[in-house]
Amino acid sequence: MSRGVGLALVLAGAVAVILAAPLIGPVSLPFSVLTDPFGADPSSRIFWQIRVPRVVAAFLGGAGLAVGGAVFQAVFRNPLATPYILGVAAGASFGVAAVARIGVGVVILGLGLQSWSALAGALLAVAVVWLVTKLRPDAATSTLLLAGVSLNFFFSSLILFLQYTASFADAYRVLRWLMGGLGGVDASAVVQMTPFVVLGMAVIFSFGRELDLLATGSELAASRGVAVARTRTTLFVATSVMVGGVVAACGPIGFVGMMSPHICRMLLGPGHRLLLPASAVFGGAFLVLCDVAARTLVAPAELPVGVITAFLGAPFFLWLLLRK
């Protein structure tokens, strides 16, 4: 399959999913709601105030996770790498869980404390990995991966501690949030998530050439003029900012960052100047589609979207392991 055909398939599929998703749900909506954004009719309010912000949030979240996965798969040269591999998502999750446990509602620079705490947790995880690279400049990629695994366990234990010491209602609320979901997302959540995702992507997209070289190996990248340590740090921070914003709004949603870059790589090839934007579009549309399934499969009840992505991602993970 040529790159042009693959790109056309990704774009056409994403457009179809995004346009159809707001109309699909437990309550059927007429097409007339499209022309009545400020109407008092209940159908118009459901469409414009609930479903459209939810679709936008799902697209932004899926795009951020997919781009983060593409970055880590290139930097670590590991097909199973995701934004969770360095404990980034676990750190962001701990930050949000801590704020939820304390129950503090503060707005700083127009963003809620939940967003800032998620960013702080994600950056803390990256800071630990960066410290490992400073203490062990000759550290192999596997060393950084193991550092990420240990951070995942550490932050997970802190989250379990918060749940154990919380009331039953608070513990259950944190548990539901940890499953990843878009049920409570509204326009304000989209506004808070957008700066993190846009800023992270703006930085990452400017490193397409460097990611191509890092994917071939650190030594070759350095021989071609890439400042490997500085580039890694910049990409880690940009990805952490992006993932922190997504986790604060949607919770930790797994497997999107692993599957989307792989599928786009099969359609478009490994070049990151095309792979990164394609992964963003595909990942966003994929999470929108998963969210549609989450709110319709057991209607009128609703599944956390993280359950759907895990259900699809686990077989995909095994397929990757069994591939030649």
Protein backbone atom coordinates (compact mmCIF):
# COMPACT_ATOMS: atom_id res chain seq x y z
CA MET A 1 0.00 0.00 0.00
CA SER A 2 1.37 3.42 -1.01
CA ARG A 3 1.78 6.19 1.51
CA GLY A 4 -0.83 8.32 -0.28
CA VAL A 5 -3.46 5.61 -0.05
CA GLY A 6 -2.61 4.91 3.58
CA LEU A 7 -2.83 8.59 4.51
CA ALA A 8 -6.15 8.94 2.67
CA LEU A 9 -7.56 5.96 4.59
CA VAL A 10 -6.48 7.43 7.94
CA LEU A 11 -7.92 10.87 7.18
CA ALA A 12 -11.18 9.59 5.69
CA GLY A 13 -11.77 7.18 8.56
CA ALA A 14 -11.02 9.88 11.16
CA VAL A 15 -13.38 12.39 9.54
CA ALA A 16 -16.19 9.82 9.33
CA VAL A 17 -15.79 8.79 12.97
CA ILE A 18 -15.63 12.37 14.28
CA LEU A 19 -18.70 13.49 12.33
CA ALA A 20 -20.81 10.48 13.27
CA ALA A 21 -19.78 10.07 16.93
CA PRO A 22 -21.80 12.97 18.44
CA LEU A 23 -25.00 11.59 16.89
CA ILE A 24 -24.55 8.09 18.32
CA GLY A 25 -25.57 7.22 21.85
CA PRO A 26 -28.31 5.86 24.11
CA VAL A 27 -30.55 8.76 23.02
CA SER A 28 -31.06 9.09 19.27
CA LEU A 29 -30.65 12.64 17.99
CA PRO A 30 -32.09 14.13 14.79
CA PHE A 31 -29.81 15.75 12.22
CA SER A 32 -31.59 19.06 12.87
CA VAL A 33 -29.49 19.56 16.02
CA LEU A 34 -26.54 20.39 13.76
CA THR A 35 -28.14 23.70 12.81
CA ASP A 36 -29.37 24.64 16.29
CA PRO A 37 -26.32 25.11 18.56
CA PHE A 38 -28.07 27.53 20.93
CA GLY A 39 -31.52 25.97 20.94
CA ALA A 40 -33.49 25.22 24.07
CA ASP A 41 -34.52 21.82 22.75
CA PRO A 42 -33.16 18.95 24.93
CA SER A 43 -31.71 17.21 21.89
CA SER A 44 -29.69 20.30 20.98
CA ARG A 45 -28.35 20.61 24.52
CA ILE A 46 -27.36 16.93 24.59
CA PHE A 47 -25.54 17.30 21.28
CA TRP A 48 -23.74 20.63 21.78
CA GLN A 49 -23.15 20.68 25.54
CA ILE A 50 -22.45 17.00 26.25
CA ARG A 51 -21.51 14.97 23.20
CA VAL A 52 -19.50 17.48 21.17
CA PRO A 53 -17.16 18.40 24.08
CA ARG A 54 -16.82 14.69 24.84
CA VAL A 55 -15.83 13.88 21.26
CA VAL A 56 -13.34 16.76 21.19
CA ALA A 57 -11.82 15.60 24.48
CA ALA A 58 -11.58 12.01 23.23
CA PHE A 59 -9.87 13.16 20.03
CA LEU A 60 -7.37 15.36 21.86
CA GLY A 61 -6.66 12.65 24.44
CA GLY A 62 -6.20 9.91 21.86
CA ALA A 63 -3.98 12.15 19.72
CA GLY A 64 -1.75 13.03 22.67
CA LEU A 65 -1.37 9.43 23.81
CA ALA A 66 -0.66 8.20 20.27
CA VAL A 67 2.02 10.82 19.62
CA GLY A 68 3.58 10.06 23.00
CA GLY A 69 3.69 6.38 22.08
CA ALA A 70 5.36 7.13 18.74
CA VAL A 71 8.01 9.22 20.52
CA PHE A 72 8.85 6.58 23.11
CA GLN A 73 8.90 3.76 20.56
CA ALA A 74 11.50 5.70 18.57
CA VAL A 75 13.61 6.89 21.51
CA PHE A 76 13.71 3.47 23.20
CA ARG A 77 13.68 1.50 19.94
CA ASN A 78 11.09 -0.72 21.59
CA PRO A 79 7.81 -1.58 19.83
CA LEU A 80 6.02 -1.98 23.16
CA ALA A 81 6.98 1.43 24.56
CA THR A 82 4.12 3.74 25.56
CA PRO A 83 3.72 6.96 27.57
CA TYR A 84 3.39 4.65 30.58
CA ILE A 85 6.83 3.11 30.14
CA LEU A 86 8.68 5.78 32.16
CA GLY A 87 6.04 6.05 34.85
CA VAL A 88 4.80 9.29 33.26
CA ALA A 89 1.12 8.34 33.35
CA ALA A 90 1.50 6.74 36.78
CA GLY A 91 3.05 9.95 38.14
CA ALA A 92 0.27 12.05 36.61
CA SER A 93 -2.32 9.65 38.03
CA PHE A 94 -0.83 9.96 41.50
CA GLY A 95 -0.97 13.75 41.27
CA VAL A 96 -4.65 13.71 40.36
CA ALA A 97 -5.47 11.05 42.95
CA ALA A 98 -3.76 13.10 45.67
CA VAL A 99 -5.78 16.20 44.81
CA ALA A 100 -9.00 14.16 44.70
CA ARG A 101 -8.17 12.64 48.08
CA ILE A 102 -7.45 16.01 49.67
CA GLY A 103 -10.44 17.62 48.00
CA VAL A 104 -8.80 20.96 47.19
CA GLY A 105 -10.35 23.01 44.41
CA VAL A 106 -8.00 25.80 43.32
CA VAL A 107 -7.66 27.52 39.95
CA ILE A 108 -4.20 28.77 38.96
CA LEU A 109 -3.72 30.70 35.70
CA GLY A 110 -7.09 29.52 34.51
CA LEU A 111 -6.34 25.82 35.07
CA GLY A 112 -7.59 23.65 37.90
CA LEU A 113 -5.27 22.20 40.51
CA GLN A 114 -5.98 18.73 39.10
CA SER A 115 -4.26 19.66 35.82
CA TRP A 116 -1.26 21.18 37.55
CA SER A 117 -0.88 18.21 39.90
CA ALA A 118 -1.01 15.79 36.96
CA LEU A 119 1.70 17.80 35.21
CA ALA A 120 3.81 17.87 38.37
CA GLY A 121 3.53 14.08 38.81
CA ALA A 122 4.47 13.43 35.18
CA LEU A 123 7.46 15.77 35.35
CA LEU A 124 8.58 14.18 38.60
CA ALA A 125 8.75 10.81 36.87
CA VAL A 126 10.77 12.28 34.02
CA ALA A 127 13.07 14.05 36.48
CA VAL A 128 13.94 10.75 38.12
CA VAL A 129 14.75 9.15 34.76
CA TRP A 130 16.78 12.22 33.79
CA LEU A 131 18.71 11.90 37.06
CA VAL A 132 19.50 8.29 36.16
CA THR A 133 20.95 9.44 32.83
CA LYS A 134 23.10 12.01 34.66
CA LEU A 135 24.37 9.55 37.26
CA ARG A 136 24.91 6.90 34.61
CA PRO A 137 25.77 8.69 31.35
CA ASP A 138 26.57 5.32 29.75
CA ALA A 139 23.21 3.84 30.80
CA ALA A 140 21.65 1.64 28.16
CA THR A 141 18.07 2.03 27.01
CA SER A 142 17.13 -1.03 29.03
CA THR A 143 18.32 0.77 32.19
CA LEU A 144 15.95 3.66 31.52
CA LEU A 145 13.11 1.23 30.87
CA LEU A 146 13.76 -0.53 34.17
CA ALA A 147 13.80 2.85 35.92
CA GLY A 148 10.39 3.53 34.42
CA VAL A 149 9.05 0.18 35.59
CA SER A 150 10.22 0.88 39.14
CA LEU A 151 8.55 4.29 39.06
CA ASN A 152 5.31 2.69 37.91
CA PHE A 153 5.37 0.38 40.92
CA PHE A 154 6.27 3.25 43.26
CA PHE A 155 3.47 5.58 42.14
CA SER A 156 0.99 2.68 42.03
CA SER A 157 1.79 1.89 45.65
CA LEU A 158 1.19 5.53 46.62
CA ILE A 159 -2.17 5.49 44.83
CA LEU A 160 -3.13 2.30 46.66
CA PHE A 161 -2.17 3.97 49.95
CA LEU A 162 -4.43 6.94 49.15
CA GLN A 163 -7.30 4.61 48.31
CA TYR A 164 -6.85 2.54 51.46
CA THR A 165 -6.87 5.59 53.73
CA ALA A 166 -9.84 7.24 51.97
CA SER A 167 -13.51 6.79 52.71
CA PHE A 168 -15.42 4.18 50.73
CA ALA A 169 -16.99 6.82 48.49
CA ASP A 170 -13.67 8.57 47.80
CA ALA A 171 -11.87 5.28 47.18
CA TYR A 172 -14.55 4.18 44.72
CA ARG A 173 -14.38 7.51 42.90
CA VAL A 174 -10.61 7.23 42.54
CA LEU A 175 -10.96 3.62 41.35
CA ARG A 176 -13.45 4.60 38.64
CA TRP A 177 -11.19 7.44 37.55
CA LEU A 178 -8.19 5.09 37.31
CA MET A 179 -10.13 2.99 34.79
CA GLY A 180 -10.09 5.93 32.39
CA GLY A 181 -13.32 7.50 31.24
CA LEU A 182 -14.92 10.45 29.50
CA GLY A 183 -18.30 10.41 31.22
CA GLY A 184 -17.67 13.56 33.25
CA VAL A 185 -15.79 15.51 30.59
CA ASP A 186 -17.28 18.84 29.60
CA ALA A 187 -16.20 21.99 27.76
CA SER A 188 -14.15 23.24 30.72
CA ALA A 189 -12.14 20.01 30.76
CA VAL A 190 -11.44 20.42 27.05
CA VAL A 191 -10.24 23.98 27.65
CA GLN A 192 -7.90 22.82 30.41
CA MET A 193 -6.49 19.90 28.41
CA THR A 194 -5.95 21.72 25.10
CA PRO A 195 -2.90 23.87 26.07
CA PHE A 196 -0.97 20.84 27.35
CA VAL A 197 -1.66 18.75 24.23
CA VAL A 198 -1.03 21.57 21.75
CA LEU A 199 2.20 22.66 23.45
CA GLY A 200 3.53 19.10 23.67
CA MET A 201 2.74 18.34 20.03
CA ALA A 202 4.23 21.62 18.81
CA VAL A 203 7.57 20.68 20.37
CA ILE A 204 7.48 17.01 19.31
CA PHE A 205 6.55 17.69 15.69
CA SER A 206 9.68 19.83 15.30
CA PHE A 207 11.87 16.79 16.10
CA GLY A 208 10.83 14.55 13.20
CA ARG A 209 14.34 14.21 11.76
CA GLU A 210 15.89 13.58 15.18
CA LEU A 211 13.35 10.85 15.93
CA ASP A 212 14.17 9.14 12.63
CA LEU A 213 17.85 9.07 13.62
CA LEU A 214 17.23 8.05 17.25
CA ALA A 215 15.16 5.11 15.98
CA THR A 216 18.30 3.81 14.25
CA GLY A 217 20.43 4.05 17.39
CA SER A 218 22.01 6.65 19.66
CA GLU A 219 25.50 6.22 18.18
CA LEU A 220 24.38 6.82 14.61
CA ALA A 221 22.20 9.76 15.70
CA ALA A 222 25.15 11.34 17.50
CA SER A 223 27.37 10.85 14.45
CA ARG A 224 24.80 12.74 12.36
CA GLY A 225 24.88 15.75 14.66
CA VAL A 226 22.02 14.97 17.06
CA ALA A 227 22.56 16.07 20.67
CA VAL A 228 21.17 12.81 21.99
CA ALA A 229 20.93 13.64 25.71
CA ARG A 230 19.40 17.07 25.18
CA THR A 231 16.98 15.77 22.53
CA ARG A 232 15.85 12.93 24.79
CA THR A 233 15.25 15.31 27.69
CA THR A 234 13.26 17.73 25.53
CA LEU A 235 11.11 14.94 24.12
CA PHE A 236 10.53 13.42 27.56
CA VAL A 237 9.42 16.76 29.00
CA ALA A 238 7.17 17.57 26.03
CA THR A 239 5.57 14.13 26.20
CA SER A 240 5.10 14.44 29.95
CA VAL A 241 3.35 17.79 29.60
CA MET A 242 1.04 16.33 26.98
CA VAL A 243 0.26 13.09 28.83
CA GLY A 244 -0.20 14.94 32.11
CA GLY A 245 -2.91 17.11 30.56
CA VAL A 246 -4.65 14.09 29.07
CA VAL A 247 -4.56 12.07 32.30
CA ALA A 248 -5.91 15.01 34.32
CA ALA A 249 -8.99 15.21 32.08
CA CYS A 250 -9.60 11.60 31.04
CA GLY A 251 -7.76 9.40 33.51
CA PRO A 252 -5.07 6.87 32.56
CA ILE A 253 -6.25 5.25 29.31
CA GLY A 254 -3.98 2.43 28.20
CA PHE A 255 -2.91 0.88 24.89
CA VAL A 256 -3.85 3.84 22.64
CA GLY A 257 -0.22 4.97 22.62
CA MET A 258 0.97 1.48 21.72
CA MET A 259 -1.50 0.49 19.00
CA SER A 260 -1.94 3.72 17.03
CA PRO A 261 1.70 4.31 16.00
CA HIS A 262 2.09 0.67 14.97
CA ILE A 263 -0.96 0.73 12.73
CA CYS A 264 0.10 4.03 11.16
CA ARG A 265 3.64 2.71 10.67
CA MET A 266 2.25 -0.27 8.73
CA LEU A 267 0.19 2.07 6.54
CA LEU A 268 2.66 4.92 6.05
CA GLY A 269 6.15 3.70 6.85
CA PRO A 270 8.55 4.70 9.64
CA GLY A 271 9.29 8.33 8.72
CA HIS A 272 8.27 10.46 11.69
CA ARG A 273 7.51 13.64 9.76
CA LEU A 274 4.45 11.82 8.42
CA LEU A 275 4.04 9.25 11.17
CA LEU A 276 3.58 11.78 14.01
CA PRO A 277 0.61 13.72 12.54
CA ALA A 278 -0.92 10.50 11.20
CA SER A 279 -0.66 8.89 14.64
CA ALA A 280 -2.32 11.94 16.17
CA VAL A 281 -5.25 11.74 13.76
CA PHE A 282 -5.58 7.96 14.01
CA GLY A 283 -5.20 7.89 17.81
CA GLY A 284 -7.78 10.63 18.25
CA ALA A 285 -10.32 8.89 15.99
CA PHE A 286 -9.59 5.54 17.65
CA LEU A 287 -10.35 6.86 21.14
CA VAL A 288 -13.51 8.58 19.86
CA LEU A 289 -14.65 5.25 18.43
CA CYS A 290 -13.84 3.43 21.68
CA ASP A 291 -15.81 6.04 23.62
CA VAL A 292 -18.83 5.51 21.36
CA ALA A 293 -18.64 1.80 22.17
CA ALA A 294 -18.26 2.57 25.89
CA ARG A 295 -21.47 4.59 26.02
CA THR A 296 -23.59 2.30 23.82
CA LEU A 297 -22.63 -1.34 24.50
CA VAL A 298 -24.39 -1.57 27.87
CA ALA A 299 -26.74 1.42 27.51
CA PRO A 300 -28.26 3.06 29.48
CA ALA A 301 -25.25 2.24 31.70
CA GLU A 302 -21.76 3.25 30.57
CA LEU A 303 -18.41 1.50 30.57
CA PRO A 304 -15.12 3.30 31.32
CA VAL A 305 -13.41 3.77 27.98
CA GLY A 306 -10.22 2.32 29.46
CA VAL A 307 -11.99 -1.04 29.62
CA ILE A 308 -12.63 -0.94 25.87
CA THR A 309 -9.06 0.07 24.96
CA ALA A 310 -7.65 -2.66 27.23
CA PHE A 311 -9.99 -5.24 25.68
CA LEU A 312 -8.66 -4.34 22.22
CA GLY A 313 -5.09 -3.64 23.27
CA ALA A 314 -4.32 -6.89 25.09
CA PRO A 315 -4.74 -9.10 21.96
CA PHE A 316 -2.79 -6.53 19.95
CA PHE A 317 0.00 -6.68 22.53
CA LEU A 318 0.15 -10.48 22.24
CA TRP A 319 0.19 -10.21 18.45
CA LEU A 320 3.20 -7.91 18.65
CA LEU A 321 4.99 -10.37 20.94
CA LEU A 322 4.32 -13.29 18.58
CA ARG A 323 5.29 -11.47 15.38
CA LYS A 324 8.56 -12.35 13.72
